[in-house]
Amino acid sequence: MLLLTQTYDPARVVHTPTLETLEGFQGTHPRLADDRTYQLNFPDFRRRLLHYDRATVAQYEAFQEVKKQLLGRAAEDMRLEDFRPRVLTSFVRNRLIDQVYLPIIGANLAKQIGTAGEGKRTDLMGLLLLISPPGYGKTTLMEYVANRLGLIFMKINGPAIGHAVTSVDPAQAPNAGARQELEKLNLAFEMGDNVMIYVDDIQHCNPEFLQKFISLCDAQRKIEGVYQGRPRTYDFRGRKVCVVMAGNPYTESGDVFQLPDMLANRADIYNLGDILTAGSEDAFRLSYLENALTSNAALARLSTQSPQDVPALIRLAETGQQDGLSFEGNHSPEELNEYVAVLQKLLRLRDVVARVNAAYIASAAQADAYRTEPPFKLQGSYRNMNKLAEKVRPVMNDQEIEQLLAAHYESEAQTLTSATEANLLKLRELLGWLTPEQAARWQQIKQTYLDNLRNSGAGQLLQMLDKLENIAGGLSGIREALKREY
């Protein structure tokens, strides 16, 4: 200080030691002595503190910045943002989801993830398999569940993988699309926790590919994978990893849609288009209306402002009796009349769509050899209901509703090409719309179909067997008659 200031003031000099022993420390730091004391050398401490502030902190901040950049680049390369579950704005959590779907899904996921307890056998229920015709919201529902559980939603696209893929190795994929899906699958294996592996449209996948998941769905919870060219065995015991598959067996023939038996034995299988649980039929029919609320211009504000009033309004539309009904929202008489008018028309559409859905599933479950009429391929899903609901207006009459139905299904039937006429006539028979001429034509089509079936290879074989059986019966009768005579 004397050299710096060229002055000296004894009164400003503080006489204090620069070495001090501090006691009472806890810890294992190398600067602490065995007796938990710290020898403080103040000038040395100031030098180390200055170096820490100017060098160490700056290096740490630079390290953090580089780490952030590398993590951001890796997340961008792996497209991690694409795997975050995003619930559709049009998603409606209805009574069917709360009372039927979530309990059965939750029970299965509890067994897969392990929260059902160590005493439970998880090898029997290691997979959730959802089947239904298209348009029933299988993917939307599972993405919602993944969002609520905080899971990465790793959706594997079955059609992109195709029937040609039998291995999980991306290097053996026949095209870029299949290779990308297999890379996503192996990335899910590599993540190893907080992941929902969702294989969609498995009817387009090879059974040999699906059977790779058998070992993942039993008590061992292991699967072989290939990540970045390196084969590995992944063990998911005790990990928050669940496997869900979804399929539509009605769009491809039974010979193509094949699920390995050992995988099916480990699965909880539910048909979302044909819920048979006791007491769930009303909730299933109600779900048609609840899902269609956001599609109709008049009911859209009801679905966002007062969804709790929907059941009461539906009862009002069904019975016409307002006694005993209470509404939580403030609805003017004009709005109530508009809601009821639209819901009455949607109820009629709902009944038709539900009847078409039942006929579609019943027809899809029949083998061609046992049919008595051409296959019925028109569908009655939520997607069909939403398309119809968006065109409904309060002022429409019954004839206009019937025309709306006819126009919708005529448009849907155009993609059936040569089967269009038969499917539209079957639809008219279901709805009681057949004219005498159309009824005669429909009978002619059914008779021709049966004749063609008899004349086919399988039909001719059955006819030959019937004739041989008749001949054998006749010979047996002759033999018995000869025995009696002689």
Protein backbone atom coordinates (compact mmCIF):
# COMPACT_ATOMS: atom_id res chain seq x y z
CA MET A 1 0.00 0.00 0.00
CA LEU A 2 2.95 2.32 0.68
CA LEU A 3 4.29 1.79 -2.82
CA LEU A 4 0.79 2.27 -4.27
CA THR A 5 -0.30 5.38 -2.35
CA GLN A 6 3.07 6.96 -1.38
CA THR A 7 1.54 7.59 2.05
CA TYR A 8 1.47 5.88 5.42
CA ASP A 9 -1.17 6.34 8.09
CA PRO A 10 -0.62 4.13 11.16
CA ALA A 11 -4.18 4.76 12.33
CA ARG A 12 -5.59 2.94 9.30
CA VAL A 13 -3.50 -0.17 9.76
CA VAL A 14 -5.51 -3.13 11.12
CA HIS A 15 -3.42 -5.57 13.09
CA THR A 16 -5.03 -8.99 12.60
CA PRO A 17 -3.70 -12.49 11.88
CA THR A 18 -4.11 -13.86 8.32
CA LEU A 19 -4.01 -17.46 9.55
CA GLU A 20 -6.95 -18.84 11.51
CA THR A 21 -8.17 -22.27 12.59
CA LEU A 22 -11.95 -22.71 12.09
CA GLU A 23 -13.66 -25.49 14.03
CA GLY A 24 -16.94 -27.44 13.90
CA PHE A 25 -16.97 -28.40 10.20
CA GLN A 26 -18.88 -31.45 8.90
CA GLY A 27 -17.96 -33.29 5.72
CA THR A 28 -15.19 -35.10 3.86
CA HIS A 29 -13.57 -32.24 1.94
CA PRO A 30 -9.81 -32.80 1.47
CA ARG A 31 -9.02 -29.38 3.06
CA LEU A 32 -10.65 -30.45 6.33
CA ALA A 33 -8.37 -31.98 8.96
CA ASP A 34 -9.18 -35.19 10.78
CA ASP A 35 -10.40 -33.20 13.79
CA ARG A 36 -12.95 -31.37 11.58
CA THR A 37 -11.01 -28.12 11.56
CA TYR A 38 -10.14 -25.88 8.63
CA GLN A 39 -6.86 -23.96 8.43
CA LEU A 40 -7.78 -20.63 6.83
CA ASN A 41 -4.95 -18.80 5.08
CA PHE A 42 -6.69 -15.56 4.14
CA PRO A 43 -4.34 -14.35 1.34
CA ASP A 44 -4.29 -17.85 -0.18
CA PHE A 45 -8.08 -18.03 0.16
CA ARG A 46 -8.47 -14.71 -1.66
CA ARG A 47 -6.19 -15.89 -4.48
CA ARG A 48 -8.15 -19.15 -4.88
CA LEU A 49 -11.46 -17.31 -4.74
CA LEU A 50 -10.31 -14.89 -7.44
CA HIS A 51 -9.19 -17.79 -9.65
CA TYR A 52 -12.52 -19.56 -9.05
CA ASP A 53 -14.49 -16.44 -9.95
CA ARG A 54 -12.50 -15.54 -13.06
CA ALA A 55 -11.51 -18.97 -14.45
CA THR A 56 -13.52 -21.83 -12.96
CA VAL A 57 -16.95 -20.15 -13.15
CA ALA A 58 -16.29 -18.97 -16.70
CA GLN A 59 -15.22 -22.47 -17.76
CA TYR A 60 -18.29 -23.99 -16.10
CA GLU A 61 -20.63 -21.56 -17.84
CA ALA A 62 -18.93 -22.31 -21.17
CA PHE A 63 -19.30 -26.04 -20.43
CA GLN A 64 -23.01 -25.58 -19.68
CA GLU A 65 -23.51 -23.67 -22.93
CA VAL A 66 -21.76 -26.36 -24.98
CA LYS A 67 -23.75 -29.05 -23.18
CA LYS A 68 -26.99 -27.20 -23.93
CA GLN A 69 -26.06 -26.89 -27.61
CA LEU A 70 -25.13 -30.58 -27.88
CA LEU A 71 -28.32 -31.68 -26.13
CA GLY A 72 -30.41 -29.45 -28.37
CA ARG A 73 -28.65 -30.80 -31.47
CA ALA A 74 -29.10 -34.41 -30.32
CA ALA A 75 -32.78 -33.82 -29.50
CA GLU A 76 -33.25 -32.28 -32.93
CA ASP A 77 -31.45 -35.17 -34.64
CA MET A 78 -33.55 -37.76 -32.76
CA ARG A 79 -36.73 -35.64 -33.19
CA LEU A 80 -37.60 -36.04 -29.51
CA GLU A 81 -40.18 -33.27 -29.72
CA ASP A 82 -42.19 -35.42 -32.13
CA PHE A 83 -42.56 -38.11 -29.46
CA ARG A 84 -44.31 -35.90 -26.91
CA PRO A 85 -47.99 -36.92 -26.71
CA ARG A 86 -50.28 -34.14 -27.90
CA VAL A 87 -53.99 -34.44 -27.24
CA LEU A 88 -56.20 -33.28 -30.10
CA THR A 89 -58.20 -30.15 -29.41
CA SER A 90 -61.30 -32.03 -30.59
CA PHE A 91 -60.75 -34.84 -28.07
CA VAL A 92 -63.81 -35.35 -25.86
CA ARG A 93 -63.41 -37.25 -22.61
CA ASN A 94 -66.85 -38.80 -22.52
CA ARG A 95 -68.69 -41.22 -20.26
CA LEU A 96 -67.58 -44.25 -22.30
CA ILE A 97 -63.92 -43.33 -21.78
CA ASP A 98 -64.37 -42.68 -18.06
CA GLN A 99 -66.55 -45.69 -17.24
CA VAL A 100 -65.34 -48.35 -19.70
CA TYR A 101 -62.10 -47.57 -21.52
CA LEU A 102 -59.97 -46.05 -18.75
CA PRO A 103 -60.67 -48.84 -16.21
CA ILE A 104 -59.67 -51.62 -18.61
CA ILE A 105 -56.67 -49.68 -19.95
CA GLY A 106 -55.58 -48.70 -16.45
CA ALA A 107 -55.81 -52.28 -15.18
CA ASN A 108 -53.58 -53.51 -17.99
CA LEU A 109 -51.02 -50.71 -17.68
CA ALA A 110 -50.83 -51.31 -13.92
CA LYS A 111 -49.85 -54.91 -14.62
CA GLN A 112 -47.34 -53.94 -17.29
CA ILE A 113 -45.64 -51.19 -15.33
CA GLY A 114 -45.73 -53.23 -12.14
CA THR A 115 -47.91 -51.15 -9.84
CA ALA A 116 -50.30 -54.07 -9.44
CA GLY A 117 -47.86 -55.49 -6.89
CA GLU A 118 -45.07 -58.05 -6.83
CA GLY A 119 -47.54 -60.83 -6.04
CA LYS A 120 -49.30 -60.39 -9.39
CA ARG A 121 -48.31 -62.47 -12.41
CA THR A 122 -47.49 -59.94 -15.10
CA ASP A 123 -46.50 -62.51 -17.72
CA LEU A 124 -50.17 -63.26 -18.54
CA MET A 125 -51.12 -59.65 -19.22
CA GLY A 126 -48.01 -58.16 -20.78
CA LEU A 127 -49.69 -56.43 -23.70
CA LEU A 128 -52.72 -54.25 -24.41
CA LEU A 129 -54.28 -55.03 -27.80
CA LEU A 130 -57.02 -52.73 -29.10
CA ILE A 131 -58.93 -53.74 -32.22
CA SER A 132 -61.75 -51.95 -33.97
CA PRO A 133 -62.82 -50.70 -37.38
CA PRO A 134 -61.13 -47.45 -38.43
CA GLY A 135 -62.30 -44.19 -36.91
CA TYR A 136 -62.85 -45.23 -33.29
CA GLY A 137 -60.01 -43.19 -31.82
CA LYS A 138 -57.61 -45.94 -30.71
CA THR A 139 -54.54 -43.80 -31.29
CA THR A 140 -56.14 -40.63 -29.92
CA LEU A 141 -57.21 -42.43 -26.75
CA MET A 142 -53.78 -43.93 -26.06
CA GLU A 143 -52.04 -40.62 -26.80
CA TYR A 144 -54.33 -39.02 -24.21
CA VAL A 145 -53.42 -41.71 -21.66
CA ALA A 146 -49.70 -41.26 -22.37
CA ASN A 147 -50.09 -37.50 -21.93
CA ARG A 148 -51.80 -37.89 -18.55
CA LEU A 149 -49.21 -40.44 -17.34
CA GLY A 150 -46.27 -38.34 -18.52
CA LEU A 151 -44.98 -41.03 -20.91
CA ILE A 152 -43.10 -40.63 -24.17
CA PHE A 153 -45.55 -41.74 -26.89
CA MET A 154 -43.48 -43.77 -29.35
CA LYS A 155 -45.92 -44.48 -32.19
CA ILE A 156 -44.69 -47.13 -34.64
CA ASN A 157 -46.50 -47.01 -37.97
CA GLY A 158 -47.44 -50.55 -39.03
CA PRO A 159 -48.17 -49.78 -42.72
CA ALA A 160 -44.74 -48.12 -43.07
CA ILE A 161 -43.09 -51.29 -41.72
CA GLY A 162 -45.15 -53.57 -43.98
CA HIS A 163 -45.33 -57.32 -44.37
CA ALA A 164 -41.77 -57.60 -45.71
CA VAL A 165 -40.08 -56.63 -42.41
CA THR A 166 -39.35 -59.52 -40.05
CA SER A 167 -36.45 -58.05 -38.01
CA VAL A 168 -36.07 -55.10 -35.64
CA ASP A 169 -32.69 -54.27 -37.21
CA PRO A 170 -33.00 -51.01 -39.23
CA ALA A 171 -30.17 -52.14 -41.51
CA GLN A 172 -32.38 -54.95 -42.86
CA ALA A 173 -35.33 -52.67 -43.69
CA PRO A 174 -36.30 -52.74 -47.38
CA ASN A 175 -36.98 -48.99 -47.65
CA ALA A 176 -36.36 -45.67 -45.91
CA GLY A 177 -39.82 -45.51 -44.33
CA ALA A 178 -39.52 -48.90 -42.66
CA ARG A 179 -35.98 -48.09 -41.55
CA GLN A 180 -37.13 -44.89 -39.86
CA GLU A 181 -39.89 -46.72 -37.95
CA LEU A 182 -37.44 -49.39 -36.77
CA GLU A 183 -35.01 -46.68 -35.65
CA LYS A 184 -37.83 -45.14 -33.58
CA LEU A 185 -38.60 -48.54 -32.07
CA ASN A 186 -34.98 -49.12 -31.07
CA LEU A 187 -34.76 -45.57 -29.74
CA ALA A 188 -37.69 -46.42 -27.45
CA PHE A 189 -35.78 -49.50 -26.27
CA GLU A 190 -32.70 -47.35 -25.65
CA MET A 191 -34.70 -44.78 -23.64
CA GLY A 192 -35.70 -47.62 -21.37
CA ASP A 193 -38.09 -45.75 -19.05
CA ASN A 194 -41.25 -43.60 -19.15
CA VAL A 195 -42.10 -44.90 -22.63
CA MET A 196 -45.32 -46.17 -24.20
CA ILE A 197 -44.47 -48.30 -27.27
CA TYR A 198 -47.54 -48.07 -29.50
CA VAL A 199 -47.54 -50.25 -32.64
CA ASP A 200 -50.39 -49.04 -34.83
CA ASP A 201 -52.23 -50.93 -37.60
CA ILE A 202 -50.56 -54.27 -36.93
CA GLN A 203 -52.70 -55.91 -39.61
CA HIS A 204 -50.08 -54.61 -42.06
CA CYS A 205 -47.18 -56.24 -40.14
CA ASN A 206 -45.64 -59.68 -40.57
CA PRO A 207 -46.44 -62.14 -37.72
CA GLU A 208 -42.73 -62.96 -37.54
CA PHE A 209 -42.04 -59.30 -36.74
CA LEU A 210 -44.77 -59.19 -34.08
CA GLN A 211 -43.46 -62.28 -32.33
CA LYS A 212 -40.26 -60.37 -31.51
CA PHE A 213 -42.35 -58.72 -28.76
CA ILE A 214 -43.23 -62.03 -27.05
CA SER A 215 -40.25 -61.94 -24.67
CA LEU A 216 -41.01 -58.30 -23.83
CA CYS A 217 -44.56 -59.20 -22.81
CA ASP A 218 -43.81 -62.00 -20.34
CA ALA A 219 -42.32 -62.02 -16.86
CA GLN A 220 -38.73 -61.62 -18.14
CA ARG A 221 -39.53 -58.28 -19.86
CA LYS A 222 -36.55 -58.57 -22.21
CA ILE A 223 -36.21 -57.90 -25.93
CA GLU A 224 -33.41 -57.89 -28.48
CA GLY A 225 -32.74 -54.63 -30.30
CA VAL A 226 -30.19 -52.92 -32.53
CA TYR A 227 -29.31 -49.31 -31.75
CA GLN A 228 -26.89 -47.44 -34.02
CA GLY A 229 -25.67 -50.71 -35.51
CA ARG A 230 -24.93 -52.33 -32.15
CA PRO A 231 -27.08 -55.31 -31.00
CA ARG A 232 -28.26 -55.21 -27.41
CA THR A 233 -30.56 -57.03 -25.01
CA TYR A 234 -32.88 -54.67 -23.15
CA ASP A 235 -34.23 -55.61 -19.72
CA PHE A 236 -37.33 -53.62 -18.70
CA ARG A 237 -38.10 -55.30 -15.39
CA GLY A 238 -39.05 -52.61 -12.91
CA ARG A 239 -39.10 -49.97 -15.66
CA LYS A 240 -42.02 -47.74 -16.60
CA VAL A 241 -42.38 -49.22 -20.08
CA CYS A 242 -45.66 -50.47 -21.57
CA VAL A 243 -46.52 -52.08 -24.90
CA VAL A 244 -49.76 -51.30 -26.73
CA MET A 245 -50.79 -52.60 -30.15
CA ALA A 246 -53.75 -51.53 -32.25
CA GLY A 247 -55.18 -53.25 -35.29
CA ASN A 248 -58.09 -53.32 -37.68
CA PRO A 249 -58.71 -56.94 -38.68
CA TYR A 250 -61.65 -55.92 -40.87
CA THR A 251 -59.63 -54.18 -43.57
CA GLU A 252 -57.54 -57.16 -44.61
CA SER A 253 -58.43 -60.80 -45.06
CA GLY A 254 -58.06 -63.22 -42.20
CA ASP A 255 -55.17 -64.89 -44.00
CA VAL A 256 -53.19 -61.64 -43.84
CA PHE A 257 -54.11 -60.50 -40.32
CA GLN A 258 -52.35 -62.99 -38.08
CA LEU A 259 -51.32 -62.47 -34.49
CA PRO A 260 -48.87 -65.03 -33.03
CA ASP A 261 -50.63 -67.27 -30.52
CA MET A 262 -48.02 -66.78 -27.81
CA LEU A 263 -48.38 -63.01 -28.15
CA ALA A 264 -52.18 -63.17 -28.09
CA ASN A 265 -52.03 -65.27 -24.91
CA ARG A 266 -50.13 -62.44 -23.22
CA ALA A 267 -52.57 -59.73 -24.31
CA ASP A 268 -55.69 -58.09 -22.96
CA ILE A 269 -57.78 -57.81 -26.13
CA TYR A 270 -60.62 -55.29 -26.43
CA ASN A 271 -62.77 -54.42 -29.43
CA LEU A 272 -63.55 -50.70 -29.18
CA GLY A 273 -66.20 -51.03 -31.89
CA ASP A 274 -68.13 -53.74 -30.08
CA ILE A 275 -67.99 -53.18 -26.33
CA LEU A 276 -69.78 -56.11 -24.69
CA THR A 277 -69.25 -55.16 -21.04
CA ALA A 278 -72.50 -55.28 -19.09
CA GLY A 279 -74.07 -51.84 -18.81
CA SER A 280 -71.73 -50.20 -21.30
CA GLU A 281 -74.00 -50.25 -24.34
CA ASP A 282 -75.75 -47.02 -23.31
CA ALA A 283 -72.39 -45.30 -22.76
CA PHE A 284 -71.20 -46.58 -26.15
CA ARG A 285 -74.26 -45.16 -27.93
CA LEU A 286 -73.96 -41.92 -25.99
CA SER A 287 -70.33 -41.57 -27.05
CA TYR A 288 -71.47 -41.08 -30.66
CA LEU A 289 -73.19 -37.87 -29.59
CA GLU A 290 -70.50 -36.69 -27.18
CA ASN A 291 -67.76 -37.05 -29.81
CA ALA A 292 -69.86 -35.22 -32.39
CA LEU A 293 -70.41 -32.10 -30.26
CA THR A 294 -67.28 -30.33 -31.48
CA SER A 295 -68.16 -31.00 -35.14
CA ASN A 296 -71.54 -29.23 -35.09
CA ALA A 297 -71.56 -25.45 -35.25
CA ALA A 298 -74.59 -25.12 -32.97
CA LEU A 299 -73.29 -27.51 -30.30
CA ALA A 300 -69.61 -26.52 -30.40
CA ARG A 301 -70.08 -23.71 -27.85
CA LEU A 302 -72.03 -26.11 -25.63
CA SER A 303 -69.10 -28.57 -25.61
CA THR A 304 -66.65 -25.86 -24.51
CA GLN A 305 -68.80 -23.85 -22.09
CA SER A 306 -71.22 -26.33 -20.49
CA PRO A 307 -70.27 -29.96 -21.26
CA GLN A 308 -71.86 -31.07 -17.97
CA ASP A 309 -75.29 -30.09 -19.36
CA VAL A 310 -75.06 -32.46 -22.34
CA PRO A 311 -76.69 -35.54 -20.66
CA ALA A 312 -79.61 -33.43 -19.45
CA LEU A 313 -80.10 -31.91 -22.91
CA ILE A 314 -80.00 -35.36 -24.50
CA ARG A 315 -82.71 -36.59 -22.10
CA LEU A 316 -84.74 -33.50 -22.98
CA ALA A 317 -84.31 -34.27 -26.70
CA GLU A 318 -85.35 -37.91 -26.16
CA THR A 319 -88.35 -37.38 -23.89
CA GLY A 320 -89.39 -33.77 -24.47
CA GLN A 321 -89.95 -33.45 -20.70
CA GLN A 322 -88.09 -30.65 -18.93
CA ASP A 323 -89.46 -31.43 -15.46
CA GLY A 324 -86.72 -32.24 -12.96
CA LEU A 325 -83.90 -31.18 -15.29
CA SER A 326 -81.40 -28.57 -14.13
CA PHE A 327 -78.63 -26.90 -16.09
CA GLU A 328 -75.40 -25.50 -14.71
CA GLY A 329 -74.87 -23.12 -17.61
CA ASN A 330 -76.94 -20.05 -18.38
CA HIS A 331 -78.86 -20.96 -21.53
CA SER A 332 -81.51 -18.75 -23.04
CA PRO A 333 -84.78 -20.37 -24.20
CA GLU A 334 -83.73 -19.82 -27.82
CA GLU A 335 -80.42 -21.61 -27.23
CA LEU A 336 -82.14 -24.52 -25.47
CA ASN A 337 -84.56 -24.90 -28.38
CA GLU A 338 -81.66 -24.86 -30.84
CA TYR A 339 -79.70 -27.44 -28.83
CA VAL A 340 -82.71 -29.75 -28.53
CA ALA A 341 -83.57 -29.44 -32.23
CA VAL A 342 -80.04 -30.40 -33.27
CA LEU A 343 -79.76 -33.23 -30.72
CA GLN A 344 -83.05 -34.76 -31.88
CA LYS A 345 -81.64 -35.02 -35.38
CA LEU A 346 -78.32 -36.34 -34.08
CA LEU A 347 -80.17 -39.03 -32.13
CA ARG A 348 -81.70 -40.30 -35.35
CA LEU A 349 -78.32 -40.22 -37.08
CA ARG A 350 -76.80 -42.01 -34.09
CA ASP A 351 -79.27 -44.87 -34.34
CA VAL A 352 -78.51 -45.34 -38.03
CA VAL A 353 -74.73 -45.16 -37.58
CA ALA A 354 -74.86 -47.64 -34.68
CA ARG A 355 -76.94 -50.04 -36.76
CA VAL A 356 -74.48 -49.77 -39.65
CA ASN A 357 -71.60 -50.37 -37.23
CA ALA A 358 -73.21 -53.56 -35.89
CA ALA A 359 -73.89 -54.84 -39.42
CA TYR A 360 -70.32 -54.06 -40.51
CA ILE A 361 -68.76 -55.96 -37.60
CA ALA A 362 -71.14 -58.91 -37.99
CA SER A 363 -70.34 -59.14 -41.70
CA ALA A 364 -66.58 -58.81 -41.15
CA ALA A 365 -66.65 -61.69 -38.65
CA GLN A 366 -68.08 -64.13 -41.22
CA ALA A 367 -66.01 -66.37 -43.44
CA ASP A 368 -66.74 -66.06 -47.16
CA ALA A 369 -67.68 -69.73 -47.38
CA TYR A 370 -70.58 -69.26 -44.96
CA ARG A 371 -72.04 -66.01 -46.29
CA THR A 372 -75.60 -65.76 -47.58
CA GLU A 373 -75.11 -62.28 -49.08
CA PRO A 374 -72.22 -60.08 -50.26
CA PRO A 375 -69.94 -58.60 -47.55
CA PHE A 376 -71.16 -55.33 -46.02
CA LYS A 377 -68.32 -52.80 -45.97
CA LEU A 378 -70.00 -49.50 -45.09
CA GLN A 379 -68.90 -48.35 -41.64
CA GLY A 380 -70.51 -46.65 -38.68
CA SER A 381 -67.62 -45.14 -36.73
CA TYR A 382 -67.15 -41.88 -34.84
CA ARG A 383 -65.64 -40.46 -38.00
CA ASN A 384 -68.84 -41.14 -39.93
CA MET A 385 -70.92 -39.62 -37.14
CA ASN A 386 -68.78 -36.48 -37.08
CA LYS A 387 -69.05 -36.04 -40.85
CA LEU A 388 -72.82 -36.23 -40.59
CA ALA A 389 -73.05 -34.02 -37.49
CA GLU A 390 -71.19 -31.10 -39.05
CA LYS A 391 -73.89 -30.81 -41.72
CA VAL A 392 -76.89 -30.86 -39.37
CA ARG A 393 -78.85 -27.63 -38.90
CA PRO A 394 -81.71 -26.99 -36.43
CA VAL A 395 -84.21 -26.20 -39.21
CA MET A 396 -83.73 -29.48 -41.11
CA ASN A 397 -86.73 -31.79 -41.40
CA ASP A 398 -86.92 -35.59 -41.47
CA GLN A 399 -86.72 -35.78 -45.26
CA GLU A 400 -83.57 -33.64 -45.30
CA ILE A 401 -81.99 -35.84 -42.63
CA GLU A 402 -82.78 -38.91 -44.72
CA GLN A 403 -81.26 -37.24 -47.78
CA LEU A 404 -78.16 -36.36 -45.74
CA LEU A 405 -77.74 -39.99 -44.72
CA ALA A 406 -78.27 -41.25 -48.25
CA ALA A 407 -75.80 -38.75 -49.74
CA HIS A 408 -73.16 -39.51 -47.10
CA TYR A 409 -73.21 -43.26 -47.57
CA GLU A 410 -73.45 -42.99 -51.35
CA SER A 411 -70.21 -41.00 -51.22
CA GLU A 412 -68.64 -43.53 -48.85
CA ALA A 413 -69.65 -46.40 -51.12
CA GLN A 414 -67.92 -44.98 -54.21
CA THR A 415 -64.56 -46.39 -53.11
CA LEU A 416 -66.03 -49.91 -53.04
CA THR A 417 -66.10 -49.94 -56.88
CA SER A 418 -67.98 -53.08 -58.02
CA ALA A 419 -69.44 -53.67 -54.51
CA THR A 420 -71.12 -50.25 -54.38
CA GLU A 421 -74.57 -51.36 -55.53
CA ALA A 422 -74.79 -54.34 -53.17
CA ASN A 423 -73.66 -52.31 -50.15
CA LEU A 424 -76.11 -49.49 -50.81
CA LEU A 425 -78.98 -51.96 -51.22
CA LYS A 426 -78.00 -53.67 -47.96
CA LEU A 427 -77.95 -50.26 -46.26
CA ARG A 428 -81.42 -49.49 -47.55
CA GLU A 429 -82.62 -52.87 -46.29
CA LEU A 430 -81.20 -52.06 -42.83
CA LEU A 431 -82.96 -48.70 -42.78
CA GLY A 432 -86.22 -49.90 -44.34
CA TRP A 433 -85.83 -47.70 -47.41
CA LEU A 434 -86.08 -50.39 -50.11
CA THR A 435 -88.56 -49.77 -52.90
CA PRO A 436 -90.20 -52.85 -54.51
CA GLU A 437 -87.82 -52.60 -57.46
CA GLN A 438 -84.78 -52.30 -55.19
CA ALA A 439 -85.99 -55.20 -53.03
CA ALA A 440 -86.29 -57.40 -56.12
CA ARG A 441 -82.84 -56.35 -57.28
CA TRP A 442 -81.38 -57.08 -53.82
CA GLN A 443 -82.89 -60.58 -53.81
CA GLN A 444 -81.45 -61.17 -57.27
CA ILE A 445 -77.98 -60.07 -56.13
CA LYS A 446 -78.11 -62.35 -53.08
CA GLN A 447 -79.24 -65.32 -55.17
CA THR A 448 -76.50 -64.70 -57.73
CA TYR A 449 -73.95 -64.45 -54.93
CA LEU A 450 -75.05 -67.82 -53.53
CA ASP A 451 -74.94 -69.39 -56.99
CA ASN A 452 -71.43 -68.07 -57.57
CA LEU A 453 -70.39 -69.34 -54.16
CA ARG A 454 -71.69 -72.83 -55.00
CA ASN A 455 -69.90 -72.78 -58.34
CA SER A 456 -66.59 -71.74 -56.81
CA GLY A 457 -63.89 -74.29 -56.04
CA ALA A 458 -64.91 -74.61 -52.39
CA GLY A 459 -68.58 -74.68 -53.29
CA GLN A 460 -68.11 -77.40 -55.88
CA LEU A 461 -66.14 -79.46 -53.38
CA LEU A 462 -68.97 -79.15 -50.86
CA GLN A 463 -71.52 -80.15 -53.50
CA MET A 464 -69.42 -83.19 -54.44
CA LEU A 465 -69.15 -84.22 -50.81
CA ASP A 466 -72.92 -83.82 -50.41
CA LYS A 467 -73.54 -86.01 -53.47
CA LEU A 468 -71.09 -88.64 -52.27
CA GLU A 469 -72.78 -88.60 -48.89
CA ASN A 470 -76.18 -89.05 -50.56
CA ILE A 471 -74.83 -91.95 -52.66
CA ALA A 472 -73.36 -93.55 -49.54
CA GLY A 473 -76.72 -93.16 -47.80
CA GLY A 474 -78.52 -94.72 -50.75
CA LEU A 475 -76.12 -97.68 -50.89
CA SER A 476 -76.56 -98.19 -47.17
CA GLY A 477 -80.32 -98.30 -47.65
CA ILE A 478 -80.01 -100.87 -50.45
CA ARG A 479 -77.72 -103.00 -48.28
CA GLU A 480 -80.20 -102.98 -45.41
CA ALA A 481 -83.05 -103.89 -47.77
CA LEU A 482 -81.06 -106.83 -49.21
CA LYS A 483 -80.28 -108.06 -45.70
CA ARG A 484 -83.95 -108.08 -44.79
CA GLU A 485 -84.88 -109.87 -47.99
CA TYR A 486 -82.25 -112.61 -47.79
